[in-house]
Amino acid sequence: MRPCLLTPPSLGVVYLGGHYMADVLTVKELASEFGLAASTVYAQVRRGALPAVRFGKAVRFRRETVERFVHDQESRATGGGR
């Protein structure tokens, strides 16, 4: 059986493209985790520097993608471990 895109809110679980919403962050959550202003996060998304998924005006981030992005940024800052 193919999973549905959204489950009823009463179940407390949203399944999106192979990820449960627990694996998805809002702008506010991402900003809070990194000690940034939400406007900084939005600016990075607009520049295309930060990978995001858009649903109309809503912007979401897969935790896995953000972790990979941060790792890549750390590697660049340190010369790729060379």
Protein backbone atom coordinates (compact mmCIF):
# COMPACT_ATOMS: atom_id res chain seq x y z
CA MET A 1 0.00 0.00 0.00
CA ARG A 2 1.37 3.39 -0.99
CA PRO A 3 1.56 5.82 1.96
CA CYS A 4 -0.64 8.87 1.72
CA LEU A 5 0.85 12.35 1.56
CA LEU A 6 -0.94 13.53 4.66
CA THR A 7 -2.62 11.68 7.48
CA PRO A 8 -5.41 13.18 9.56
CA PRO A 9 -4.04 15.70 12.09
CA SER A 10 -5.78 13.78 14.86
CA LEU A 11 -3.21 11.01 14.38
CA GLY A 12 -0.38 13.48 14.98
CA VAL A 13 1.71 12.13 12.11
CA VAL A 14 2.30 13.64 8.70
CA TYR A 15 4.09 11.55 6.09
CA LEU A 16 5.73 13.55 3.33
CA GLY A 17 7.83 12.09 0.53
CA GLY A 18 9.23 9.27 2.62
CA HIS A 19 9.73 11.39 5.74
CA TYR A 20 7.63 11.84 8.83
CA MET A 21 7.12 15.43 9.94
CA ALA A 22 9.37 14.78 12.93
CA ASP A 23 12.11 14.76 10.29
CA VAL A 24 10.96 18.09 8.86
CA LEU A 25 11.75 21.51 10.34
CA THR A 26 9.97 24.83 9.99
CA VAL A 27 11.88 28.08 9.50
CA LYS A 28 11.31 28.94 13.16
CA GLU A 29 12.61 25.55 14.35
CA LEU A 30 15.67 25.69 12.11
CA ALA A 31 16.45 29.26 13.16
CA SER A 32 16.12 28.32 16.82
CA GLU A 33 18.39 25.27 16.50
CA PHE A 34 21.15 27.36 14.92
CA GLY A 35 20.62 30.56 16.89
CA LEU A 36 19.65 32.53 13.79
CA ALA A 37 16.91 35.02 13.02
CA ALA A 38 14.12 33.64 10.83
CA SER A 39 14.89 36.44 8.35
CA THR A 40 18.43 35.05 7.94
CA VAL A 41 17.04 31.60 7.15
CA TYR A 42 14.59 33.06 4.61
CA ALA A 43 17.43 35.07 3.01
CA GLN A 44 19.53 31.92 2.60
CA VAL A 45 16.58 30.12 1.01
CA ARG A 46 15.99 33.02 -1.41
CA ARG A 47 19.67 32.97 -2.41
CA GLY A 48 19.41 29.24 -3.05
CA ALA A 49 22.14 28.61 -0.49
CA LEU A 50 19.96 26.55 1.85
CA PRO A 51 17.97 23.62 0.42
CA ALA A 52 14.28 23.87 1.25
CA VAL A 53 10.90 22.51 0.21
CA ARG A 54 8.11 24.98 -0.47
CA PHE A 55 4.39 24.42 -0.03
CA GLY A 56 2.85 27.63 -1.28
CA LYS A 57 4.30 30.23 1.08
CA ALA A 58 5.34 27.66 3.68
CA VAL A 59 8.99 26.62 3.73
CA ARG A 60 10.17 23.36 5.26
CA PHE A 61 13.54 21.67 5.65
CA ARG A 62 14.31 17.97 5.86
CA ARG A 63 16.52 17.45 8.89
CA GLU A 64 18.67 15.00 6.92
CA THR A 65 19.25 17.57 4.16
CA VAL A 66 20.11 20.31 6.66
CA GLU A 67 22.59 18.03 8.45
CA ARG A 68 24.25 17.20 5.12
CA PHE A 69 24.32 20.92 4.20
CA VAL A 70 25.98 21.82 7.51
CA HIS A 71 28.52 19.02 7.11
CA ASP A 72 29.36 20.23 3.59
CA GLN A 73 29.76 23.81 4.85
CA GLU A 74 32.08 22.61 7.62
CA SER A 75 34.15 20.67 5.09
CA ARG A 76 34.48 23.76 2.87
CA ALA A 77 35.49 25.92 5.83
CA THR A 78 38.21 23.48 6.84
CA GLY A 79 39.46 22.81 3.33
CA GLY A 80 37.62 19.52 2.89
CA GLY A 81 39.69 17.71 5.49
CA ARG A 82 42.90 18.06 3.50
